[in-house]
Structures are given as structure tokens and as C-alpha cells.
Amino acid sequence: MDGSVAIGSMFSKLKAAWSRLAGGWGVGATEEPPAPAVEYKGYRIRAAPYRTNGVYQTAGIIEKDTPEGVKEHRFIRADTQQGREDAIAFAISKAKQIIAKADVG
């Protein structure tokens, strides 16, 4: 595989991931219902794993209501899972780790 093909493939995957997190349906996305939000330490976690290359990529959104409005942190991790339910559980776990680090700092 030459460099331009690899870059094009990587760009396509990043575009699909961004589209999924932005609320749209990315390349290869399926019409699966969104995972229910989970409340944790004053934050709202929305797992948003997406299917790519036959596995689910870990991704999600962490939200917090503030006087200025809703603050939002979107994340994508390299971790993948075979099943959607496992991917949702893993994304929630990762979000809790992110929240714990934010509370310490």
C-alpha cells in the first residue's frame, strides 16, 4: 500500500468518526439506536461507539451543565470491541476515567 492510499484510508476513517460524534451518520455507520446517557459525578456520559473494519471503535461524549451552558468533551480512543454492548460499556468506563482525572486536576 503506497502512502497516498494509506493517508486516504486514514482520512476516511477520521471523517467517519468525526461525523458520528458530531451527530451525523458517518461512512459505514448503521442505523443503531443511540446508547442511553449515563449520569456520573454530575456529568452525563453518552457512549457513541461506531463500527469500522468489523469492530466497534471506542468513542463518546461527556457533558456537564454549567451556568454558561452545556460543556462538552468528545473522545475517540484506539480501543476496539467486537460487540456493540461491550463497546458501550468500555466507552462509559473510559469516560469515567477521563472524569476522574479532570476532578483531580
PDB file of N, CA and C in Angstrom:
ATOM      1  N   MET A   1       0.860  -1.181   0.000  1.00  0.00           N
ATOM      2  CA  MET A   1       0.000   0.000   0.000  1.00  0.00           C
ATOM      3  C   MET A   1       0.895   1.229   0.000  1.00  0.00           C
ATOM      4  N   ASP A   2       0.677   2.134  -0.990  1.00  0.00           N
ATOM      5  CA  ASP A   2       1.510   3.329  -1.019  1.00  0.00           C
ATOM      6  C   ASP A   2       0.987   4.357  -0.020  1.00  0.00           C
ATOM      7  N   GLY A   3       1.776   5.393   0.218  1.00  0.00           N
ATOM      8  CA  GLY A   3       1.443   6.388   1.234  1.00  0.00           C
ATOM      9  C   GLY A   3       0.143   7.117   0.975  1.00  0.00           C
ATOM     10  N   SER A   4      -0.148   7.429  -0.293  1.00  0.00           N
ATOM     11  CA  SER A   4      -1.377   8.175  -0.584  1.00  0.00           C
ATOM     12  C   SER A   4      -2.623   7.347  -0.300  1.00  0.00           C
ATOM     13  N   VAL A   5      -2.548   6.020  -0.547  1.00  0.00           N
ATOM     14  CA  VAL A   5      -3.694   5.152  -0.248  1.00  0.00           C
ATOM     15  C   VAL A   5      -3.885   5.063   1.260  1.00  0.00           C
ATOM     16  N   ALA A   6      -2.795   4.922   2.008  1.00  0.00           N
ATOM     17  CA  ALA A   6      -2.871   4.829   3.468  1.00  0.00           C
ATOM     18  C   ALA A   6      -3.432   6.121   4.053  1.00  0.00           C
ATOM     19  N   ILE A   7      -2.988   7.270   3.540  1.00  0.00           N
ATOM     20  CA  ILE A   7      -3.479   8.553   4.044  1.00  0.00           C
ATOM     21  C   ILE A   7      -4.957   8.710   3.713  1.00  0.00           C
ATOM     22  N   GLY A   8      -5.353   8.327   2.504  1.00  0.00           N
ATOM     23  CA  GLY A   8      -6.757   8.414   2.121  1.00  0.00           C
ATOM     24  C   GLY A   8      -7.633   7.549   2.994  1.00  0.00           C
ATOM     25  N   SER A   9      -7.164   6.337   3.294  1.00  0.00           N
ATOM     26  CA  SER A   9      -7.907   5.419   4.155  1.00  0.00           C
ATOM     27  C   SER A   9      -8.022   5.980   5.571  1.00  0.00           C
ATOM     28  N   MET A  10      -6.929   6.514   6.088  1.00  0.00           N
ATOM     29  CA  MET A  10      -6.935   7.085   7.427  1.00  0.00           C
ATOM     30  C   MET A  10      -7.877   8.295   7.474  1.00  0.00           C
ATOM     31  N   PHE A  11      -7.831   9.151   6.449  1.00  0.00           N
ATOM     32  CA  PHE A  11      -8.711  10.314   6.400  1.00  0.00           C
ATOM     33  C   PHE A  11     -10.173   9.884   6.395  1.00  0.00           C
ATOM     34  N   SER A  12     -10.486   8.847   5.629  1.00  0.00           N
ATOM     35  CA  SER A  12     -11.853   8.349   5.548  1.00  0.00           C
ATOM     36  C   SER A  12     -12.343   7.890   6.919  1.00  0.00           C
ATOM     37  N   LYS A  13     -11.501   7.183   7.658  1.00  0.00           N
ATOM     38  CA  LYS A  13     -11.869   6.708   8.994  1.00  0.00           C
ATOM     39  C   LYS A  13     -12.060   7.877   9.961  1.00  0.00           C
ATOM     40  N   LEU A  14     -11.166   8.860   9.905  1.00  0.00           N
ATOM     41  CA  LEU A  14     -11.294  10.021  10.779  1.00  0.00           C
ATOM     42  C   LEU A  14     -12.551  10.820  10.451  1.00  0.00           C
ATOM     43  N   LYS A  15     -12.857  10.949   9.180  1.00  0.00           N
ATOM     44  CA  LYS A  15     -14.058  11.659   8.762  1.00  0.00           C
ATOM     45  C   LYS A  15     -15.310  10.952   9.278  1.00  0.00           C
ATOM     46  N   ALA A  16     -15.323   9.625   9.182  1.00  0.00           N
ATOM     47  CA  ALA A  16     -16.470   8.852   9.675  1.00  0.00           C
ATOM     48  C   ALA A  16     -16.612   9.014  11.186  1.00  0.00           C
ATOM     49  N   ALA A  17     -15.492   8.973  11.904  1.00  0.00           N
ATOM     50  CA  ALA A  17     -15.535   9.120  13.366  1.00  0.00           C
ATOM     51  C   ALA A  17     -16.050  10.496  13.749  1.00  0.00           C
ATOM     52  N   TRP A  18     -15.551  11.529  13.091  1.00  0.00           N
ATOM     53  CA  TRP A  18     -15.991  12.883  13.413  1.00  0.00           C
ATOM     54  C   TRP A  18     -17.474  13.055  13.105  1.00  0.00           C
ATOM     55  N   SER A  19     -17.900  12.529  11.969  1.00  0.00           N
ATOM     56  CA  SER A  19     -19.297  12.638  11.588  1.00  0.00           C
ATOM     57  C   SER A  19     -20.188  11.970  12.630  1.00  0.00           C
ATOM     58  N   ARG A  20     -19.774  10.812  13.106  1.00  0.00           N
ATOM     59  CA  ARG A  20     -20.545  10.068  14.102  1.00  0.00           C
ATOM     60  C   ARG A  20     -20.663  10.864  15.397  1.00  0.00           C
ATOM     61  N   LEU A  21     -19.536  11.429  15.855  1.00  0.00           N
ATOM     62  CA  LEU A  21     -19.555  12.188  17.098  1.00  0.00           C
ATOM     63  C   LEU A  21     -20.295  13.512  16.945  1.00  0.00           C
ATOM     64  N   ALA A  22     -20.305  14.052  15.749  1.00  0.00           N
ATOM     65  CA  ALA A  22     -20.994  15.323  15.512  1.00  0.00           C
ATOM     66  C   ALA A  22     -22.499  15.130  15.385  1.00  0.00           C
ATOM     67  N   GLY A  23     -22.952  13.881  15.481  1.00  0.00           N
ATOM     68  CA  GLY A  23     -24.382  13.630  15.460  1.00  0.00           C
ATOM     69  C   GLY A  23     -24.881  13.135  14.126  1.00  0.00           C
ATOM     70  N   GLY A  24     -24.023  13.104  13.132  1.00  0.00           N
ATOM     71  CA  GLY A  24     -24.422  12.597  11.822  1.00  0.00           C
ATOM     72  C   GLY A  24     -24.076  11.129  11.713  1.00  0.00           C
ATOM     73  N   TRP A  25     -24.360  10.558  10.585  1.00  0.00           N
ATOM     74  CA  TRP A  25     -24.015   9.161  10.338  1.00  0.00           C
ATOM     75  C   TRP A  25     -22.843   9.134   9.396  1.00  0.00           C
ATOM     76  N   GLY A  26     -21.745   8.557   9.838  1.00  0.00           N
ATOM     77  CA  GLY A  26     -20.535   8.513   9.034  1.00  0.00           C
ATOM     78  C   GLY A  26     -20.540   7.362   8.056  1.00  0.00           C
ATOM     79  N   VAL A  27     -19.478   7.283   7.305  1.00  0.00           N
ATOM     80  CA  VAL A  27     -19.299   6.210   6.336  1.00  0.00           C
ATOM     81  C   VAL A  27     -19.320   4.880   7.078  1.00  0.00           C
ATOM     82  N   GLY A  28     -20.123   3.964   6.645  1.00  0.00           N
ATOM     83  CA  GLY A  28     -20.183   2.646   7.264  1.00  0.00           C
ATOM     84  C   GLY A  28     -21.005   2.592   8.540  1.00  0.00           C
ATOM     85  N   ALA A  29     -21.585   3.700   8.946  1.00  0.00           N
ATOM     86  CA  ALA A  29     -22.391   3.699  10.174  1.00  0.00           C
ATOM     87  C   ALA A  29     -23.703   2.965   9.911  1.00  0.00           C
ATOM     88  N   THR A  30     -24.248   2.409  10.951  1.00  0.00           N
ATOM     89  CA  THR A  30     -25.514   1.708  10.819  1.00  0.00           C
ATOM     90  C   THR A  30     -26.591   2.468  11.574  1.00  0.00           C
ATOM     91  N   GLU A  31     -27.809   2.115  11.333  1.00  0.00           N
ATOM     92  CA  GLU A  31     -28.945   2.777  11.975  1.00  0.00           C
ATOM     93  C   GLU A  31     -29.216   2.149  13.342  1.00  0.00           C
ATOM     94  N   GLU A  32     -28.250   2.167  14.215  1.00  0.00           N
ATOM     95  CA  GLU A  32     -28.430   1.611  15.551  1.00  0.00           C
ATOM     96  C   GLU A  32     -28.901   2.729  16.484  1.00  0.00           C
ATOM     97  N   PRO A  33     -29.776   2.407  17.413  1.00  0.00           N
ATOM     98  CA  PRO A  33     -30.247   3.449  18.332  1.00  0.00           C
ATOM     99  C   PRO A  33     -29.099   3.925  19.223  1.00  0.00           C
ATOM    100  N   PRO A  34     -29.118   5.206  19.607  1.00  0.00           N
ATOM    101  CA  PRO A  34     -28.057   5.691  20.482  1.00  0.00           C
ATOM    102  C   PRO A  34     -28.138   5.023  21.850  1.00  0.00           C
ATOM    103  N   ALA A  35     -26.985   4.885  22.465  1.00  0.00           N
ATOM    104  CA  ALA A  35     -26.940   4.322  23.820  1.00  0.00           C
ATOM    105  C   ALA A  35     -27.531   5.343  24.786  1.00  0.00           C
ATOM    106  N   PRO A  36     -28.223   4.888  25.831  1.00  0.00           N
ATOM    107  CA  PRO A  36     -28.772   5.834  26.803  1.00  0.00           C
ATOM    108  C   PRO A  36     -27.648   6.558  27.553  1.00  0.00           C
ATOM    109  N   ALA A  37     -27.910   7.805  27.906  1.00  0.00           N
ATOM    110  CA  ALA A  37     -26.930   8.585  28.658  1.00  0.00           C
ATOM    111  C   ALA A  37     -26.805   8.026  30.072  1.00  0.00           C
ATOM    112  N   VAL A  38     -25.613   8.146  30.629  1.00  0.00           N
ATOM    113  CA  VAL A  38     -25.322   7.679  31.983  1.00  0.00           C
ATOM    114  C   VAL A  38     -24.880   8.881  32.805  1.00  0.00           C
ATOM    115  N   GLU A  39     -25.479   9.083  33.971  1.00  0.00           N
ATOM    116  CA  GLU A  39     -25.083  10.161  34.870  1.00  0.00           C
ATOM    117  C   GLU A  39     -23.952   9.656  35.767  1.00  0.00           C
ATOM    118  N   TYR A  40     -22.924  10.494  35.936  1.00  0.00           N
ATOM    119  CA  TYR A  40     -21.780  10.111  36.775  1.00  0.00           C
ATOM    120  C   TYR A  40     -21.117  11.376  37.326  1.00  0.00           C
ATOM    121  N   LYS A  41     -21.143  11.549  38.652  1.00  0.00           N
ATOM    122  CA  LYS A  41     -20.493  12.664  39.349  1.00  0.00           C
ATOM    123  C   LYS A  41     -20.842  14.021  38.746  1.00  0.00           C
ATOM    124  N   GLY A  42     -22.094  14.218  38.381  1.00  0.00           N
ATOM    125  CA  GLY A  42     -22.522  15.491  37.834  1.00  0.00           C
ATOM    126  C   GLY A  42     -22.293  15.639  36.333  1.00  0.00           C
ATOM    127  N   TYR A  43     -21.791  14.608  35.710  1.00  0.00           N
ATOM    128  CA  TYR A  43     -21.558  14.605  34.269  1.00  0.00           C
ATOM    129  C   TYR A  43     -22.550  13.662  33.593  1.00  0.00           C
ATOM    130  N   ARG A  44     -22.768  13.875  32.329  1.00  0.00           N
ATOM    131  CA  ARG A  44     -23.596  12.992  31.506  1.00  0.00           C
ATOM    132  C   ARG A  44     -22.669  12.346  30.480  1.00  0.00           C
ATOM    133  N   ILE A  45     -22.685  11.038  30.437  1.00  0.00           N
ATOM    134  CA  ILE A  45     -21.842  10.291  29.506  1.00  0.00           C
ATOM    135  C   ILE A  45     -22.733   9.699  28.414  1.00  0.00           C
ATOM    136  N   ARG A  46     -22.384   9.963  27.175  1.00  0.00           N
ATOM    137  CA  ARG A  46     -23.092   9.358  26.045  1.00  0.00           C
ATOM    138  C   ARG A  46     -22.092   8.545  25.241  1.00  0.00           C
ATOM    139  N   ALA A  47     -22.149   7.243  25.394  1.00  0.00           N
ATOM    140  CA  ALA A  47     -21.273   6.365  24.613  1.00  0.00           C
ATOM    141  C   ALA A  47     -21.698   6.440  23.155  1.00  0.00           C
ATOM    142  N   ALA A  48     -20.714   6.537  22.263  1.00  0.00           N
ATOM    143  CA  ALA A  48     -21.019   6.648  20.834  1.00  0.00           C
ATOM    144  C   ALA A  48     -20.060   5.805  20.007  1.00  0.00           C
ATOM    145  N   PRO A  49     -19.948   4.505  20.336  1.00  0.00           N
ATOM    146  CA  PRO A  49     -19.052   3.676  19.533  1.00  0.00           C
ATOM    147  C   PRO A  49     -19.572   3.579  18.102  1.00  0.00           C
ATOM    148  N   TYR A  50     -18.666   3.429  17.179  1.00  0.00           N
ATOM    149  CA  TYR A  50     -19.073   3.298  15.781  1.00  0.00           C
ATOM    150  C   TYR A  50     -18.349   2.107  15.160  1.00  0.00           C
ATOM    151  N   ARG A  51     -18.991   1.519  14.192  1.00  0.00           N
ATOM    152  CA  ARG A  51     -18.471   0.308  13.559  1.00  0.00           C
ATOM    153  C   ARG A  51     -17.490   0.694  12.456  1.00  0.00           C
ATOM    154  N   THR A  52     -16.319   0.075  12.496  1.00  0.00           N
ATOM    155  CA  THR A  52     -15.304   0.277  11.478  1.00  0.00           C
ATOM    156  C   THR A  52     -14.482  -0.993  11.347  1.00  0.00           C
ATOM    157  N   ASN A  53     -14.287  -1.443  10.134  1.00  0.00           N
ATOM    158  CA  ASN A  53     -13.494  -2.649   9.865  1.00  0.00           C
ATOM    159  C   ASN A  53     -13.964  -3.861  10.672  1.00  0.00           C
ATOM    160  N   GLY A  54     -15.259  -3.988  10.869  1.00  0.00           N
ATOM    161  CA  GLY A  54     -15.817  -5.158  11.542  1.00  0.00           C
ATOM    162  C   GLY A  54     -15.782  -5.129  13.056  1.00  0.00           C
ATOM    163  N   VAL A  55     -15.293  -4.031  13.650  1.00  0.00           N
ATOM    164  CA  VAL A  55     -15.268  -3.900  15.107  1.00  0.00           C
ATOM    165  C   VAL A  55     -15.841  -2.536  15.478  1.00  0.00           C
ATOM    166  N   TYR A  56     -16.078  -2.323  16.770  1.00  0.00           N
ATOM    167  CA  TYR A  56     -16.601  -1.048  17.254  1.00  0.00           C
ATOM    168  C   TYR A  56     -15.476  -0.236  17.878  1.00  0.00           C
ATOM    169  N   GLN A  57     -15.323   0.974  17.411  1.00  0.00           N
ATOM    170  CA  GLN A  57     -14.315   1.903  17.910  1.00  0.00           C
ATOM    171  C   GLN A  57     -14.849   2.591  19.164  1.00  0.00           C
ATOM    172  N   THR A  58     -14.020   2.733  20.182  1.00  0.00           N
ATOM    173  CA  THR A  58     -14.416   3.400  21.417  1.00  0.00           C
ATOM    174  C   THR A  58     -14.526   4.900  21.181  1.00  0.00           C
ATOM    175  N   ALA A  59     -15.694   5.454  21.473  1.00  0.00           N
ATOM    176  CA  ALA A  59     -15.915   6.891  21.319  1.00  0.00           C
ATOM    177  C   ALA A  59     -17.094   7.306  22.192  1.00  0.00           C
ATOM    178  N   GLY A  60     -17.140   8.578  22.521  1.00  0.00           N
ATOM    179  CA  GLY A  60     -18.253   9.064  23.316  1.00  0.00           C
ATOM    180  C   GLY A  60     -18.197  10.559  23.549  1.00  0.00           C
ATOM    181  N   ILE A  61     -19.173  11.033  24.296  1.00  0.00           N
ATOM    182  CA  ILE A  61     -19.294  12.444  24.618  1.00  0.00           C
ATOM    183  C   ILE A  61     -19.539  12.568  26.116  1.00  0.00           C
ATOM    184  N   ILE A  62     -18.808  13.467  26.750  1.00  0.00           N
ATOM    185  CA  ILE A  62     -19.002  13.775  28.168  1.00  0.00           C
ATOM    186  C   ILE A  62     -19.572  15.188  28.226  1.00  0.00           C
ATOM    187  N   GLU A  63     -20.692  15.355  28.914  1.00  0.00           N
ATOM    188  CA  GLU A  63     -21.341  16.659  29.024  1.00  0.00           C
ATOM    189  C   GLU A  63     -21.481  17.052  30.485  1.00  0.00           C
ATOM    190  N   LYS A  64     -21.444  18.355  30.721  1.00  0.00           N
ATOM    191  CA  LYS A  64     -21.681  18.879  32.073  1.00  0.00           C
ATOM    192  C   LYS A  64     -22.447  20.182  31.927  1.00  0.00           C
ATOM    193  N   ASP A  65     -23.525  20.307  32.691  1.00  0.00           N
ATOM    194  CA  ASP A  65     -24.299  21.544  32.702  1.00  0.00           C
ATOM    195  C   ASP A  65     -23.578  22.556  33.586  1.00  0.00           C
ATOM    196  N   THR A  66     -23.348  23.753  33.045  1.00  0.00           N
ATOM    197  CA  THR A  66     -22.691  24.826  33.789  1.00  0.00           C
ATOM    198  C   THR A  66     -23.547  26.080  33.660  1.00  0.00           C
ATOM    199  N   PRO A  67     -23.275  27.105  34.464  1.00  0.00           N
ATOM    200  CA  PRO A  67     -24.031  28.352  34.334  1.00  0.00           C
ATOM    201  C   PRO A  67     -23.912  28.978  32.934  1.00  0.00           C
ATOM    202  N   GLU A  68     -22.809  28.703  32.245  1.00  0.00           N
ATOM    203  CA  GLU A  68     -22.592  29.231  30.898  1.00  0.00           C
ATOM    204  C   GLU A  68     -23.265  28.379  29.821  1.00  0.00           C
ATOM    205  N   GLY A  69     -23.803  27.252  30.212  1.00  0.00           N
ATOM    206  CA  GLY A  69     -24.407  26.323  29.246  1.00  0.00           C
ATOM    207  C   GLY A  69     -23.761  24.950  29.344  1.00  0.00           C
ATOM    208  N   VAL A  70     -24.087  24.093  28.421  1.00  0.00           N
ATOM    209  CA  VAL A  70     -23.558  22.732  28.439  1.00  0.00           C
ATOM    210  C   VAL A  70     -22.132  22.726  27.897  1.00  0.00           C
ATOM    211  N   LYS A  71     -21.214  22.202  28.689  1.00  0.00           N
ATOM    212  CA  LYS A  71     -19.831  21.989  28.248  1.00  0.00           C
ATOM    213  C   LYS A  71     -19.739  20.562  27.746  1.00  0.00           C
ATOM    214  N   GLU A  72     -18.975  20.361  26.695  1.00  0.00           N
ATOM    215  CA  GLU A  72     -18.933  19.051  26.050  1.00  0.00           C
ATOM    216  C   GLU A  72     -17.497  18.664  25.717  1.00  0.00           C
ATOM    217  N   HIS A  73     -17.160  17.422  25.985  1.00  0.00           N
ATOM    218  CA  HIS A  73     -15.859  16.865  25.610  1.00  0.00           C
ATOM    219  C   HIS A  73     -16.125  15.605  24.799  1.00  0.00           C
ATOM    220  N   ARG A  74     -15.634  15.566  23.572  1.00  0.00           N
ATOM    221  CA  ARG A  74     -15.791  14.387  22.707  1.00  0.00           C
ATOM    222  C   ARG A  74     -14.485  13.615  22.727  1.00  0.00           C
ATOM    223  N   PHE A  75     -14.581  12.297  22.762  1.00  0.00           N
ATOM    224  CA  PHE A  75     -13.368  11.494  22.757  1.00  0.00           C
ATOM    225  C   PHE A  75     -13.495  10.302  21.821  1.00  0.00           C
ATOM    226  N   ILE A  76     -12.362   9.938  21.258  1.00  0.00           N
ATOM    227  CA  ILE A  76     -12.219   8.724  20.451  1.00  0.00           C
ATOM    228  C   ILE A  76     -10.946   8.062  20.935  1.00  0.00           C
ATOM    229  N   ARG A  77     -10.990   6.785  21.172  1.00  0.00           N
ATOM    230  CA  ARG A  77      -9.827   6.033  21.624  1.00  0.00           C
ATOM    231  C   ARG A  77      -9.498   4.936  20.608  1.00  0.00           C
ATOM    232  N   ALA A  78      -8.289   4.466  20.651  1.00  0.00           N
ATOM    233  CA  ALA A  78      -7.839   3.427  19.721  1.00  0.00           C
ATOM    234  C   ALA A  78      -8.445   2.063  20.048  1.00  0.00           C
ATOM    235  N   ASP A  79      -8.955   1.909  21.266  1.00  0.00           N
ATOM    236  CA  ASP A  79      -9.508   0.623  21.696  1.00  0.00           C
ATOM    237  C   ASP A  79     -10.706   0.229  20.838  1.00  0.00           C
ATOM    238  N   THR A  80     -10.798  -1.060  20.542  1.00  0.00           N
ATOM    239  CA  THR A  80     -11.948  -1.574  19.789  1.00  0.00           C
ATOM    240  C   THR A  80     -12.532  -2.777  20.522  1.00  0.00           C
ATOM    241  N   GLN A  81     -13.803  -3.035  20.231  1.00  0.00           N
ATOM    242  CA  GLN A  81     -14.512  -4.176  20.821  1.00  0.00           C
ATOM    243  C   GLN A  81     -15.246  -4.909  19.711  1.00  0.00           C
ATOM    244  N   GLN A  82     -15.485  -6.194  19.904  1.00  0.00           N
ATOM    245  CA  GLN A  82     -16.191  -6.993  18.905  1.00  0.00           C
ATOM    246  C   GLN A  82     -17.687  -6.690  18.874  1.00  0.00           C
ATOM    247  N   GLY A  83     -18.291  -6.480  20.046  1.00  0.00           N
ATOM    248  CA  GLY A  83     -19.732  -6.269  20.131  1.00  0.00           C
ATOM    249  C   GLY A  83     -20.082  -4.854  20.541  1.00  0.00           C
ATOM    250  N   ARG A  84     -21.244  -4.407  20.127  1.00  0.00           N
ATOM    251  CA  ARG A  84     -21.684  -3.048  20.433  1.00  0.00           C
ATOM    252  C   ARG A  84     -21.895  -2.840  21.932  1.00  0.00           C
ATOM    253  N   GLU A  85     -22.519  -3.782  22.611  1.00  0.00           N
ATOM    254  CA  GLU A  85     -22.753  -3.627  24.054  1.00  0.00           C
ATOM    255  C   GLU A  85     -21.442  -3.536  24.818  1.00  0.00           C
ATOM    256  N   ASP A  86     -20.457  -4.348  24.437  1.00  0.00           N
ATOM    257  CA  ASP A  86     -19.135  -4.272  25.072  1.00  0.00           C
ATOM    258  C   ASP A  86     -18.495  -2.916  24.793  1.00  0.00           C
ATOM    259  N   ALA A  87     -18.668  -2.411  23.578  1.00  0.00           N
ATOM    260  CA  ALA A  87     -18.097  -1.114  23.209  1.00  0.00           C
ATOM    261  C   ALA A  87     -18.742   0.013  24.000  1.00  0.00           C
ATOM    262  N   ILE A  88     -20.038  -0.076  24.222  1.00  0.00           N
ATOM    263  CA  ILE A  88     -20.738   0.939  25.016  1.00  0.00           C
ATOM    264  C   ILE A  88     -20.220   0.916  26.456  1.00  0.00           C
ATOM    265  N   ALA A  89     -20.133  -0.267  27.040  1.00  0.00           N
ATOM    266  CA  ALA A  89     -19.637  -0.394  28.414  1.00  0.00           C
ATOM    267  C   ALA A  89     -18.203   0.126  28.535  1.00  0.00           C
ATOM    268  N   PHE A  90     -17.375  -0.182  27.542  1.00  0.00           N
ATOM    269  CA  PHE A  90     -15.976   0.253  27.579  1.00  0.00           C
ATOM    270  C   PHE A  90     -15.884   1.773  27.432  1.00  0.00           C
ATOM    271  N   ALA A  91     -16.704   2.370  26.555  1.00  0.00           N
ATOM    272  CA  ALA A  91     -16.693   3.824  26.378  1.00  0.00           C
ATOM    273  C   ALA A  91     -17.119   4.522  27.671  1.00  0.00           C
ATOM    274  N   ILE A  92     -18.095   3.969  28.365  1.00  0.00           N
ATOM    275  CA  ILE A  92     -18.529   4.546  29.643  1.00  0.00           C
ATOM    276  C   ILE A  92     -17.400   4.458  30.664  1.00  0.00           C
ATOM    277  N   SER A  93     -16.722   3.325  30.697  1.00  0.00           N
ATOM    278  CA  SER A  93     -15.590   3.150  31.603  1.00  0.00           C
ATOM    279  C   SER A  93     -14.484   4.172  31.302  1.00  0.00           C
ATOM    280  N   LYS A  94     -14.172   4.368  30.032  1.00  0.00           N
ATOM    281  CA  LYS A  94     -13.149   5.335  29.640  1.00  0.00           C
ATOM    282  C   LYS A  94     -13.572   6.752  30.026  1.00  0.00           C
ATOM    283  N   ALA A  95     -14.851   7.077  29.820  1.00  0.00           N
ATOM    284  CA  ALA A  95     -15.355   8.399  30.183  1.00  0.00           C
ATOM    285  C   ALA A  95     -15.212   8.628  31.684  1.00  0.00           C
ATOM    286  N   LYS A  96     -15.504   7.627  32.481  1.00  0.00           N
ATOM    287  CA  LYS A  96     -15.354   7.760  33.940  1.00  0.00           C
ATOM    288  C   LYS A  96     -13.899   8.018  34.306  1.00  0.00           C
ATOM    289  N   GLN A  97     -12.958   7.393  33.602  1.00  0.00           N
ATOM    290  CA  GLN A  97     -11.535   7.646  33.848  1.00  0.00           C
ATOM    291  C   GLN A  97     -11.171   9.086  33.501  1.00  0.00           C
ATOM    292  N   ILE A  98     -11.702   9.582  32.382  1.00  0.00           N
ATOM    293  CA  ILE A  98     -11.450  10.964  31.981  1.00  0.00           C
ATOM    294  C   ILE A  98     -11.994  11.928  33.037  1.00  0.00           C
ATOM    295  N   ILE A  99     -13.195  11.663  33.530  1.00  0.00           N
ATOM    296  CA  ILE A  99     -13.824  12.498  34.553  1.00  0.00           C
ATOM    297  C   ILE A  99     -12.988  12.464  35.839  1.00  0.00           C
ATOM    298  N   ALA A 100     -12.539  11.286  36.237  1.00  0.00           N
ATOM    299  CA  ALA A 100     -11.737  11.165  37.465  1.00  0.00           C
ATOM    300  C   ALA A 100     -10.455  11.992  37.352  1.00  0.00           C
ATOM    301  N   LYS A 101      -9.818  11.962  36.191  1.00  0.00           N
ATOM    302  CA  LYS A 101      -8.584  12.753  36.004  1.00  0.00           C
ATOM    303  C   LYS A 101      -8.898  14.240  36.036  1.00  0.00           C
ATOM    304  N   ALA A 102     -10.041  14.639  35.475  1.00  0.00           N
ATOM    305  CA  ALA A 102     -10.424  16.058  35.463  1.00  0.00           C
ATOM    306  C   ALA A 102     -10.723  16.544  36.881  1.00  0.00           C
ATOM    307  N   ASP A 103     -11.320  15.684  37.705  1.00  0.00           N
ATOM    308  CA  ASP A 103     -11.657  16.071  39.093  1.00  0.00           C
ATOM    309  C   ASP A 103     -10.405  16.213  39.951  1.00  0.00           C
ATOM    310  N   VAL A 104      -9.338  15.511  39.616  1.00  0.00           N
ATOM    311  CA  VAL A 104      -8.104  15.568  40.389  1.00  0.00           C
ATOM    312  C   VAL A 104      -7.346  16.838  40.068  1.00  0.00           C
ATOM    313  N   GLY A 105      -7.356  17.220  38.763  1.00  0.00           N
ATOM    314  CA  GLY A 105      -6.567  18.364  38.278  1.00  0.00           C
ATOM    315  C   GLY A 105      -7.126  19.638  38.598  1.00  0.00           C
TER     316      GLY A 105
END
